[in-house]
């Protein structure tokens, strides 16, 4: 995947070397998500901020989103997915892949038996997010699914 920076911006705002900033942006719109994620970090890593595993960490955010979706507690999804869109529009390749391969693929995988991941998140996905979401499905399943929707 190519680096996705907004036209006119010379430097990505969300980059691998400042990954904590990415996670802060992801969890900031939802106090419950923020508290959940901070508790997870303490449980998983203690007080150390080194040697975090970003793909594992983002998987916990995917778990949280799936559970909220199942419980129909989606009132903060609009802002969460707005932040995801902002990240995707202003990030380096590592962060783009973390969002798409880490977050989106985890959501799709854990939703596959209970939630229609093809269109179930469409009302929250913005243009760059939706394109990435659909291309991820295309990668795994081909494009035939698009004709069935």
C-alpha atoms as a PDB file:
ATOM      1  CA  UNK A   1       0.000   0.000   0.000  1.00  0.00           C
ATOM      2  CA  UNK A   2       1.159   3.484  -0.700  1.00  0.00           C
ATOM      3  CA  UNK A   3       1.585   6.180   1.870  1.00  0.00           C
ATOM      4  CA  UNK A   4      -1.702   8.016   2.112  1.00  0.00           C
ATOM      5  CA  UNK A   5      -1.042  11.630   2.862  1.00  0.00           C
ATOM      6  CA  UNK A   6      -3.459  14.390   2.004  1.00  0.00           C
ATOM      7  CA  UNK A   7      -2.659  16.515  -1.039  1.00  0.00           C
ATOM      8  CA  UNK A   8      -0.548  19.482  -0.103  1.00  0.00           C
ATOM      9  CA  UNK A   9       0.829  17.830   3.019  1.00  0.00           C
ATOM     10  CA  UNK A  10       4.482  17.042   2.808  1.00  0.00           C
ATOM     11  CA  UNK A  11       4.795  15.003   5.979  1.00  0.00           C
ATOM     12  CA  UNK A  12       2.562  12.292   7.395  1.00  0.00           C
ATOM     13  CA  UNK A  13       1.125  13.148  10.789  1.00  0.00           C
ATOM     14  CA  UNK A  14       0.757   9.524  11.961  1.00  0.00           C
ATOM     15  CA  UNK A  15       3.997   7.576  11.649  1.00  0.00           C
ATOM     16  CA  UNK A  16       5.514   4.359  12.929  1.00  0.00           C
ATOM     17  CA  UNK A  17       8.042   6.084  15.179  1.00  0.00           C
ATOM     18  CA  UNK A  18       5.194   7.910  16.936  1.00  0.00           C
ATOM     19  CA  UNK A  19       2.814   4.954  17.134  1.00  0.00           C
ATOM     20  CA  UNK A  20       1.522   5.972  20.568  1.00  0.00           C
ATOM     21  CA  UNK A  21      -0.022   9.032  18.901  1.00  0.00           C
ATOM     22  CA  UNK A  22      -1.939   6.732  16.531  1.00  0.00           C
ATOM     23  CA  UNK A  23      -3.388   4.719  19.392  1.00  0.00           C
ATOM     24  CA  UNK A  24      -4.274   7.874  21.324  1.00  0.00           C
ATOM     25  CA  UNK A  25      -6.188   9.145  18.292  1.00  0.00           C
ATOM     26  CA  UNK A  26      -7.968   5.803  17.889  1.00  0.00           C
ATOM     27  CA  UNK A  27      -9.228   5.574  21.461  1.00  0.00           C
ATOM     28  CA  UNK A  28      -9.804   9.264  22.214  1.00  0.00           C
ATOM     29  CA  UNK A  29     -13.434   9.602  21.018  1.00  0.00           C
ATOM     30  CA  UNK A  30     -14.807   6.984  23.406  1.00  0.00           C
ATOM     31  CA  UNK A  31     -14.064   7.182  27.131  1.00  0.00           C
ATOM     32  CA  UNK A  32     -15.002   3.536  27.624  1.00  0.00           C
ATOM     33  CA  UNK A  33     -12.648   2.472  24.817  1.00  0.00           C
ATOM     34  CA  UNK A  34      -9.927   4.706  26.228  1.00  0.00           C
ATOM     35  CA  UNK A  35     -10.322   3.213  29.722  1.00  0.00           C
ATOM     36  CA  UNK A  36     -10.480  -0.321  28.281  1.00  0.00           C
ATOM     37  CA  UNK A  37      -7.329   0.232  26.241  1.00  0.00           C
ATOM     38  CA  UNK A  38      -5.385   1.856  29.078  1.00  0.00           C
ATOM     39  CA  UNK A  39      -6.318  -1.000  31.435  1.00  0.00           C
ATOM     40  CA  UNK A  40      -5.248  -3.485  28.759  1.00  0.00           C
ATOM     41  CA  UNK A  41      -1.862  -1.730  28.372  1.00  0.00           C
ATOM     42  CA  UNK A  42      -1.208  -1.889  32.114  1.00  0.00           C
ATOM     43  CA  UNK A  43      -2.227  -5.543  32.279  1.00  0.00           C
ATOM     44  CA  UNK A  44      -0.200  -6.503  29.207  1.00  0.00           C
ATOM     45  CA  UNK A  45       2.904  -4.336  29.614  1.00  0.00           C
ATOM     46  CA  UNK A  46       2.867  -2.914  33.139  1.00  0.00           C
ATOM     47  CA  UNK A  47       4.368   0.540  33.270  1.00  0.00           C
ATOM     48  CA  UNK A  48       6.726  -0.062  30.352  1.00  0.00           C
ATOM     49  CA  UNK A  49       6.018   1.750  27.121  1.00  0.00           C
ATOM     50  CA  UNK A  50       8.706  -0.185  25.277  1.00  0.00           C
ATOM     51  CA  UNK A  51       8.372  -3.376  23.279  1.00  0.00           C
ATOM     52  CA  UNK A  52       4.676  -3.007  22.624  1.00  0.00           C
ATOM     53  CA  UNK A  53       3.288  -5.155  19.845  1.00  0.00           C
ATOM     54  CA  UNK A  54       1.181  -2.806  17.737  1.00  0.00           C
ATOM     55  CA  UNK A  55      -0.663  -5.506  15.791  1.00  0.00           C
ATOM     56  CA  UNK A  56      -1.650  -7.280  18.990  1.00  0.00           C
ATOM     57  CA  UNK A  57      -2.654  -4.004  20.632  1.00  0.00           C
ATOM     58  CA  UNK A  58      -4.845  -2.952  17.717  1.00  0.00           C
ATOM     59  CA  UNK A  59      -6.522  -6.344  17.877  1.00  0.00           C
ATOM     60  CA  UNK A  60      -7.837  -5.458  21.317  1.00  0.00           C
ATOM     61  CA  UNK A  61      -9.416  -2.328  19.836  1.00  0.00           C
ATOM     62  CA  UNK A  62     -11.011  -4.523  17.146  1.00  0.00           C
ATOM     63  CA  UNK A  63     -12.402  -6.793  19.884  1.00  0.00           C
ATOM     64  CA  UNK A  64     -13.895  -3.779  21.652  1.00  0.00           C
ATOM     65  CA  UNK A  65     -15.509  -2.465  18.440  1.00  0.00           C
ATOM     66  CA  UNK A  66     -16.994  -5.876  17.639  1.00  0.00           C
ATOM     67  CA  UNK A  67     -18.476  -6.229  21.117  1.00  0.00           C
ATOM     68  CA  UNK A  68     -19.984  -2.737  20.997  1.00  0.00           C
ATOM     69  CA  UNK A  69     -21.445  -3.499  17.574  1.00  0.00           C
ATOM     70  CA  UNK A  70     -23.027  -6.727  18.846  1.00  0.00           C
ATOM     71  CA  UNK A  71     -24.495  -4.868  21.834  1.00  0.00           C
ATOM     72  CA  UNK A  72     -25.752  -2.108  19.488  1.00  0.00           C
ATOM     73  CA  UNK A  73     -23.765   0.427  21.479  1.00  0.00           C
ATOM     74  CA  UNK A  74     -22.462   2.227  18.411  1.00  0.00           C
ATOM     75  CA  UNK A  75     -23.127   5.837  19.412  1.00  0.00           C
ATOM     76  CA  UNK A  76     -19.392   6.661  19.327  1.00  0.00           C
ATOM     77  CA  UNK A  77     -18.607   4.799  16.099  1.00  0.00           C
ATOM     78  CA  UNK A  78     -19.070   7.912  13.968  1.00  0.00           C
ATOM     79  CA  UNK A  79     -16.260   9.713  15.784  1.00  0.00           C
ATOM     80  CA  UNK A  80     -14.075   6.613  16.063  1.00  0.00           C
ATOM     81  CA  UNK A  81     -14.310   5.999  12.317  1.00  0.00           C
ATOM     82  CA  UNK A  82     -13.819   9.713  11.576  1.00  0.00           C
ATOM     83  CA  UNK A  83     -10.536   9.434  13.490  1.00  0.00           C
ATOM     84  CA  UNK A  84      -9.627   6.292  11.572  1.00  0.00           C
ATOM     85  CA  UNK A  85     -10.243   8.165   8.322  1.00  0.00           C
ATOM     86  CA  UNK A  86      -8.089  11.051   9.518  1.00  0.00           C
ATOM     87  CA  UNK A  87      -5.293   8.636  10.381  1.00  0.00           C
ATOM     88  CA  UNK A  88      -5.505   6.912   6.991  1.00  0.00           C
ATOM     89  CA  UNK A  89      -5.396  10.240   5.176  1.00  0.00           C
ATOM     90  CA  UNK A  90      -2.333  11.410   7.117  1.00  0.00           C
ATOM     91  CA  UNK A  91      -0.119   8.397   7.727  1.00  0.00           C
ATOM     92  CA  UNK A  92       2.930   6.534   6.570  1.00  0.00           C
ATOM     93  CA  UNK A  93       2.778   3.065   5.032  1.00  0.00           C
ATOM     94  CA  UNK A  94       3.348   1.258   8.335  1.00  0.00           C
ATOM     95  CA  UNK A  95       0.382   2.969  10.008  1.00  0.00           C
ATOM     96  CA  UNK A  96      -1.809   2.465   6.940  1.00  0.00           C
ATOM     97  CA  UNK A  97      -1.065  -1.256   7.027  1.00  0.00           C
ATOM     98  CA  UNK A  98      -1.619  -1.349  10.782  1.00  0.00           C
ATOM     99  CA  UNK A  99      -5.093   0.112  10.339  1.00  0.00           C
ATOM    100  CA  UNK A 100      -6.053  -1.976   7.315  1.00  0.00           C
ATOM    101  CA  UNK A 101      -4.330  -5.281   8.072  1.00  0.00           C
ATOM    102  CA  UNK A 102      -4.470  -4.921  11.848  1.00  0.00           C
ATOM    103  CA  UNK A 103      -7.724  -3.197  12.722  1.00  0.00           C
ATOM    104  CA  UNK A 104      -9.951  -3.745   9.681  1.00  0.00           C
ATOM    105  CA  UNK A 105      -8.898  -7.334   9.061  1.00  0.00           C
ATOM    106  CA  UNK A 106      -9.305  -8.188  12.747  1.00  0.00           C
ATOM    107  CA  UNK A 107     -12.800  -6.673  12.762  1.00  0.00           C
ATOM    108  CA  UNK A 108     -13.737  -8.572   9.605  1.00  0.00           C
ATOM    109  CA  UNK A 109     -12.332 -11.848  10.942  1.00  0.00           C
ATOM    110  CA  UNK A 110     -14.043 -11.669  14.310  1.00  0.00           C
ATOM    111  CA  UNK A 111     -17.317 -10.517  12.746  1.00  0.00           C
ATOM    112  CA  UNK A 112     -17.428 -13.070   9.943  1.00  0.00           C
ATOM    113  CA  UNK A 113     -19.876 -15.442  11.609  1.00  0.00           C
ATOM    114  CA  UNK A 114     -22.058 -12.970  13.500  1.00  0.00           C
ATOM    115  CA  UNK A 115     -22.033  -9.663  11.637  1.00  0.00           C
ATOM    116  CA  UNK A 116     -22.267  -8.801   7.942  1.00  0.00           C
ATOM    117  CA  UNK A 117     -18.808  -7.330   7.556  1.00  0.00           C
ATOM    118  CA  UNK A 118     -19.409  -6.617   3.872  1.00  0.00           C
ATOM    119  CA  UNK A 119     -21.795  -3.740   4.598  1.00  0.00           C
ATOM    120  CA  UNK A 120     -22.372  -3.738   8.354  1.00  0.00           C
ATOM    121  CA  UNK A 121     -19.922  -0.883   8.953  1.00  0.00           C
ATOM    122  CA  UNK A 122     -20.684   1.133   5.798  1.00  0.00           C
ATOM    123  CA  UNK A 123     -22.505   3.942   7.575  1.00  0.00           C
ATOM    124  CA  UNK A 124     -19.351   4.732   9.579  1.00  0.00           C
ATOM    125  CA  UNK A 125     -16.670   4.117   6.963  1.00  0.00           C
ATOM    126  CA  UNK A 126     -15.517   7.244   5.153  1.00  0.00           C
ATOM    127  CA  UNK A 127     -14.128   7.245   1.564  1.00  0.00           C
ATOM    128  CA  UNK A 128     -10.522   6.148   2.218  1.00  0.00           C
ATOM    129  CA  UNK A 129     -11.599   3.726   4.949  1.00  0.00           C
ATOM    130  CA  UNK A 130     -14.368   2.219   2.816  1.00  0.00           C
ATOM    131  CA  UNK A 131     -12.025   1.763  -0.149  1.00  0.00           C
ATOM    132  CA  UNK A 132      -9.436   0.062   2.080  1.00  0.00           C
ATOM    133  CA  UNK A 133     -12.116  -2.050   3.811  1.00  0.00           C
ATOM    134  CA  UNK A 134     -13.513  -3.280   0.482  1.00  0.00           C
ATOM    135  CA  UNK A 135     -10.089  -3.897  -1.052  1.00  0.00           C
ATOM    136  CA  UNK A 136      -9.220  -6.055   1.943  1.00  0.00           C
ATOM    137  CA  UNK A 137     -12.277  -8.213   1.261  1.00  0.00           C
ATOM    138  CA  UNK A 138     -11.325  -8.288  -2.438  1.00  0.00           C
ATOM    139  CA  UNK A 139      -7.860  -9.531  -1.494  1.00  0.00           C
ATOM    140  CA  UNK A 140      -9.216 -12.489   0.465  1.00  0.00           C
ATOM    141  CA  UNK A 141     -12.407 -13.289  -1.435  1.00  0.00           C
ATOM    142  CA  UNK A 142     -12.110 -11.758  -4.889  1.00  0.00           C
ATOM    143  CA  UNK A 143     -14.601  -9.208  -6.150  1.00  0.00           C
ATOM    144  CA  UNK A 144     -17.598 -11.502  -6.627  1.00  0.00           C
ATOM    145  CA  UNK A 145     -19.015 -10.465  -3.237  1.00  0.00           C
ATOM    146  CA  UNK A 146     -19.636  -6.980  -4.635  1.00  0.00           C
ATOM    147  CA  UNK A 147     -22.232  -8.389  -7.079  1.00  0.00           C
ATOM    148  CA  UNK A 148     -24.166 -10.020  -4.228  1.00  0.00           C
ATOM    149  CA  UNK A 149     -24.639  -6.836  -2.209  1.00  0.00           C
END
